């Protein structure tokens, strides 16, 4: 099976800035390293047992999870599917993010989604992922 060397499972938890950052940082790592080296897996497919996703996860050298907040949904889903992540990142802990729920501004001139995201935090997240992938 042709597959990516590594796979990232990120909780895109788009109800908060931390989830969006987890997703964007993961995509930026893929953009920098290329699809032969790494891809973002479909987290929702794991509990469903979708065969190609399970196969690609089994074939990966490293499975990395990226969560924005302490709920650690991606890590828990990956582990419940029977996989042990090589590394699990949680952005509140690992880069010191503060979680901001996007619903707080609803009805009060809500900001565009990207106004909740710090480009610096996205870059920090990307760096964490790339360092883990490049580690022996």
C-alpha atoms as a PDB file:
ATOM      1  CA  UNK A   1       0.000   0.000   0.000  1.00  0.00           C
ATOM      2  CA  UNK A   2       1.363   3.403  -0.936  1.00  0.00           C
ATOM      3  CA  UNK A   3       1.199   5.548   2.143  1.00  0.00           C
ATOM      4  CA  UNK A   4       2.730   8.438   4.028  1.00  0.00           C
ATOM      5  CA  UNK A   5       5.697   7.786   6.301  1.00  0.00           C
ATOM      6  CA  UNK A   6       3.975   9.443   9.295  1.00  0.00           C
ATOM      7  CA  UNK A   7       0.423  10.367  10.170  1.00  0.00           C
ATOM      8  CA  UNK A   8      -0.987  13.169  12.310  1.00  0.00           C
ATOM      9  CA  UNK A   9      -4.369  13.026  13.980  1.00  0.00           C
ATOM     10  CA  UNK A  10      -5.429  16.501  15.042  1.00  0.00           C
ATOM     11  CA  UNK A  11      -8.532  17.598  16.879  1.00  0.00           C
ATOM     12  CA  UNK A  12      -9.726  20.542  14.821  1.00  0.00           C
ATOM     13  CA  UNK A  13     -12.090  21.443  17.705  1.00  0.00           C
ATOM     14  CA  UNK A  14     -13.357  24.445  15.791  1.00  0.00           C
ATOM     15  CA  UNK A  15     -15.343  25.739  18.716  1.00  0.00           C
ATOM     16  CA  UNK A  16     -12.134  27.211  20.092  1.00  0.00           C
ATOM     17  CA  UNK A  17      -8.914  28.881  19.033  1.00  0.00           C
ATOM     18  CA  UNK A  18      -6.878  25.936  20.308  1.00  0.00           C
ATOM     19  CA  UNK A  19      -8.602  23.423  18.034  1.00  0.00           C
ATOM     20  CA  UNK A  20      -8.228  25.625  14.979  1.00  0.00           C
ATOM     21  CA  UNK A  21      -4.550  26.100  15.822  1.00  0.00           C
ATOM     22  CA  UNK A  22      -4.041  22.329  16.200  1.00  0.00           C
ATOM     23  CA  UNK A  23      -5.503  21.771  12.747  1.00  0.00           C
ATOM     24  CA  UNK A  24      -3.679  24.625  11.042  1.00  0.00           C
ATOM     25  CA  UNK A  25      -0.334  23.734  12.619  1.00  0.00           C
ATOM     26  CA  UNK A  26      -0.759  20.143  11.430  1.00  0.00           C
ATOM     27  CA  UNK A  27      -1.572  21.242   7.883  1.00  0.00           C
ATOM     28  CA  UNK A  28       1.417  23.602   7.875  1.00  0.00           C
ATOM     29  CA  UNK A  29       3.696  20.705   8.861  1.00  0.00           C
ATOM     30  CA  UNK A  30       2.363  18.669   5.928  1.00  0.00           C
ATOM     31  CA  UNK A  31       2.830  21.646   3.623  1.00  0.00           C
ATOM     32  CA  UNK A  32       6.464  22.018   4.692  1.00  0.00           C
ATOM     33  CA  UNK A  33       7.457  18.334   4.766  1.00  0.00           C
ATOM     34  CA  UNK A  34       5.334  16.993   1.889  1.00  0.00           C
ATOM     35  CA  UNK A  35       2.797  14.194   1.622  1.00  0.00           C
ATOM     36  CA  UNK A  36       5.366  11.413   1.275  1.00  0.00           C
ATOM     37  CA  UNK A  37       6.695  12.327   4.714  1.00  0.00           C
ATOM     38  CA  UNK A  38       3.426  13.076   6.566  1.00  0.00           C
ATOM     39  CA  UNK A  39      -0.326  13.463   6.218  1.00  0.00           C
ATOM     40  CA  UNK A  40      -3.230  14.451   8.428  1.00  0.00           C
ATOM     41  CA  UNK A  41      -5.460  11.425   8.989  1.00  0.00           C
ATOM     42  CA  UNK A  42      -9.237  11.377   9.219  1.00  0.00           C
ATOM     43  CA  UNK A  43      -9.833  11.188  12.964  1.00  0.00           C
ATOM     44  CA  UNK A  44     -13.535  10.381  12.538  1.00  0.00           C
ATOM     45  CA  UNK A  45     -12.671   7.262  10.500  1.00  0.00           C
ATOM     46  CA  UNK A  46     -10.780   5.535  13.303  1.00  0.00           C
ATOM     47  CA  UNK A  47     -13.716   4.530  15.524  1.00  0.00           C
ATOM     48  CA  UNK A  48     -15.603   3.471  12.390  1.00  0.00           C
ATOM     49  CA  UNK A  49     -12.795   1.126  11.393  1.00  0.00           C
ATOM     50  CA  UNK A  50     -12.487   2.511   7.854  1.00  0.00           C
ATOM     51  CA  UNK A  51     -10.053   0.022   6.310  1.00  0.00           C
ATOM     52  CA  UNK A  52      -7.799   2.358   4.284  1.00  0.00           C
ATOM     53  CA  UNK A  53      -7.378   4.723   7.246  1.00  0.00           C
ATOM     54  CA  UNK A  54      -6.638   1.863   9.634  1.00  0.00           C
ATOM     55  CA  UNK A  55      -4.149   0.423   7.119  1.00  0.00           C
ATOM     56  CA  UNK A  56      -2.331   3.716   6.638  1.00  0.00           C
ATOM     57  CA  UNK A  57      -2.175   4.217  10.405  1.00  0.00           C
ATOM     58  CA  UNK A  58      -0.738   0.714  10.915  1.00  0.00           C
ATOM     59  CA  UNK A  59       1.854   1.379   8.210  1.00  0.00           C
ATOM     60  CA  UNK A  60       2.978   4.736   9.624  1.00  0.00           C
ATOM     61  CA  UNK A  61       6.394   4.991  11.263  1.00  0.00           C
ATOM     62  CA  UNK A  62       4.978   7.494  13.730  1.00  0.00           C
ATOM     63  CA  UNK A  63       1.458   8.390  14.742  1.00  0.00           C
ATOM     64  CA  UNK A  64       1.286  11.860  16.266  1.00  0.00           C
ATOM     65  CA  UNK A  65      -1.733  13.407  17.950  1.00  0.00           C
ATOM     66  CA  UNK A  66      -2.299  17.136  18.281  1.00  0.00           C
ATOM     67  CA  UNK A  67      -4.936  18.477  20.645  1.00  0.00           C
ATOM     68  CA  UNK A  68      -5.592  22.057  21.533  1.00  0.00           C
ATOM     69  CA  UNK A  69      -7.067  21.564  24.968  1.00  0.00           C
ATOM     70  CA  UNK A  70      -6.927  19.213  27.966  1.00  0.00           C
ATOM     71  CA  UNK A  71      -9.858  17.124  26.681  1.00  0.00           C
ATOM     72  CA  UNK A  72      -7.247  15.489  24.374  1.00  0.00           C
ATOM     73  CA  UNK A  73      -9.896  14.085  22.040  1.00  0.00           C
ATOM     74  CA  UNK A  74      -7.511  13.060  19.253  1.00  0.00           C
ATOM     75  CA  UNK A  75      -5.201  11.164  21.598  1.00  0.00           C
ATOM     76  CA  UNK A  76      -8.132   9.359  23.206  1.00  0.00           C
ATOM     77  CA  UNK A  77      -9.701   8.422  19.861  1.00  0.00           C
ATOM     78  CA  UNK A  78      -6.394   7.159  18.465  1.00  0.00           C
ATOM     79  CA  UNK A  79      -5.761   5.086  21.597  1.00  0.00           C
ATOM     80  CA  UNK A  80      -9.331   3.741  21.631  1.00  0.00           C
ATOM     81  CA  UNK A  81      -8.743   2.549  18.047  1.00  0.00           C
ATOM     82  CA  UNK A  82      -5.790   0.504  19.305  1.00  0.00           C
ATOM     83  CA  UNK A  83      -2.875   2.749  18.325  1.00  0.00           C
ATOM     84  CA  UNK A  84      -0.186   4.175  20.571  1.00  0.00           C
ATOM     85  CA  UNK A  85       0.906   7.655  19.508  1.00  0.00           C
ATOM     86  CA  UNK A  86       4.654   8.194  19.254  1.00  0.00           C
ATOM     87  CA  UNK A  87       3.958  11.677  20.622  1.00  0.00           C
ATOM     88  CA  UNK A  88       0.856  13.500  21.825  1.00  0.00           C
ATOM     89  CA  UNK A  89       0.845  17.275  21.865  1.00  0.00           C
ATOM     90  CA  UNK A  90      -1.638  19.379  23.819  1.00  0.00           C
ATOM     91  CA  UNK A  91      -1.247  23.052  22.964  1.00  0.00           C
ATOM     92  CA  UNK A  92      -2.484  24.540  26.237  1.00  0.00           C
ATOM     93  CA  UNK A  93       0.308  22.619  27.969  1.00  0.00           C
ATOM     94  CA  UNK A  94       2.978  22.464  25.276  1.00  0.00           C
ATOM     95  CA  UNK A  95       2.990  26.010  23.897  1.00  0.00           C
ATOM     96  CA  UNK A  96       1.113  27.794  26.673  1.00  0.00           C
ATOM     97  CA  UNK A  97      -2.020  28.676  24.722  1.00  0.00           C
ATOM     98  CA  UNK A  98      -5.109  29.981  26.479  1.00  0.00           C
ATOM     99  CA  UNK A  99      -8.323  28.473  25.205  1.00  0.00           C
ATOM    100  CA  UNK A 100     -10.875  30.964  23.866  1.00  0.00           C
ATOM    101  CA  UNK A 101     -14.314  29.682  22.952  1.00  0.00           C
ATOM    102  CA  UNK A 102     -15.575  31.129  19.696  1.00  0.00           C
ATOM    103  CA  UNK A 103     -19.187  31.300  20.873  1.00  0.00           C
ATOM    104  CA  UNK A 104     -18.445  34.080  23.375  1.00  0.00           C
ATOM    105  CA  UNK A 105     -18.892  36.754  20.699  1.00  0.00           C
ATOM    106  CA  UNK A 106     -22.044  35.377  19.050  1.00  0.00           C
ATOM    107  CA  UNK A 107     -24.652  38.107  18.925  1.00  0.00           C
ATOM    108  CA  UNK A 108     -22.098  40.790  19.778  1.00  0.00           C
ATOM    109  CA  UNK A 109     -20.466  41.541  16.426  1.00  0.00           C
ATOM    110  CA  UNK A 110     -18.586  38.246  16.113  1.00  0.00           C
ATOM    111  CA  UNK A 111     -15.100  38.449  14.664  1.00  0.00           C
ATOM    112  CA  UNK A 112     -13.936  36.449  11.642  1.00  0.00           C
ATOM    113  CA  UNK A 113     -12.653  33.019  12.664  1.00  0.00           C
ATOM    114  CA  UNK A 114      -9.015  33.782  11.872  1.00  0.00           C
ATOM    115  CA  UNK A 115      -9.064  36.727  14.280  1.00  0.00           C
ATOM    116  CA  UNK A 116      -9.077  34.132  17.081  1.00  0.00           C
ATOM    117  CA  UNK A 117      -5.938  32.422  15.794  1.00  0.00           C
ATOM    118  CA  UNK A 118      -2.392  33.540  16.473  1.00  0.00           C
ATOM    119  CA  UNK A 119      -0.022  32.950  13.532  1.00  0.00           C
ATOM    120  CA  UNK A 120       2.764  32.573  16.087  1.00  0.00           C
ATOM    121  CA  UNK A 121       0.907  29.719  17.816  1.00  0.00           C
ATOM    122  CA  UNK A 122       0.329  28.011  14.462  1.00  0.00           C
ATOM    123  CA  UNK A 123       4.078  28.226  13.759  1.00  0.00           C
ATOM    124  CA  UNK A 124       4.940  26.893  17.242  1.00  0.00           C
ATOM    125  CA  UNK A 125       2.588  23.960  16.652  1.00  0.00           C
ATOM    126  CA  UNK A 126       4.098  23.242  13.237  1.00  0.00           C
ATOM    127  CA  UNK A 127       7.591  23.317  14.772  1.00  0.00           C
ATOM    128  CA  UNK A 128       6.644  20.804  17.493  1.00  0.00           C
ATOM    129  CA  UNK A 129       5.267  18.401  14.888  1.00  0.00           C
ATOM    130  CA  UNK A 130       8.206  18.739  12.500  1.00  0.00           C
ATOM    131  CA  UNK A 131      10.734  18.223  15.299  1.00  0.00           C
ATOM    132  CA  UNK A 132       8.960  15.027  16.342  1.00  0.00           C
ATOM    133  CA  UNK A 133       8.802  13.693  12.787  1.00  0.00           C
ATOM    134  CA  UNK A 134      12.483  14.424  12.211  1.00  0.00           C
ATOM    135  CA  UNK A 135      13.563  12.910  15.540  1.00  0.00           C
ATOM    136  CA  UNK A 136      15.049   9.411  15.316  1.00  0.00           C
END
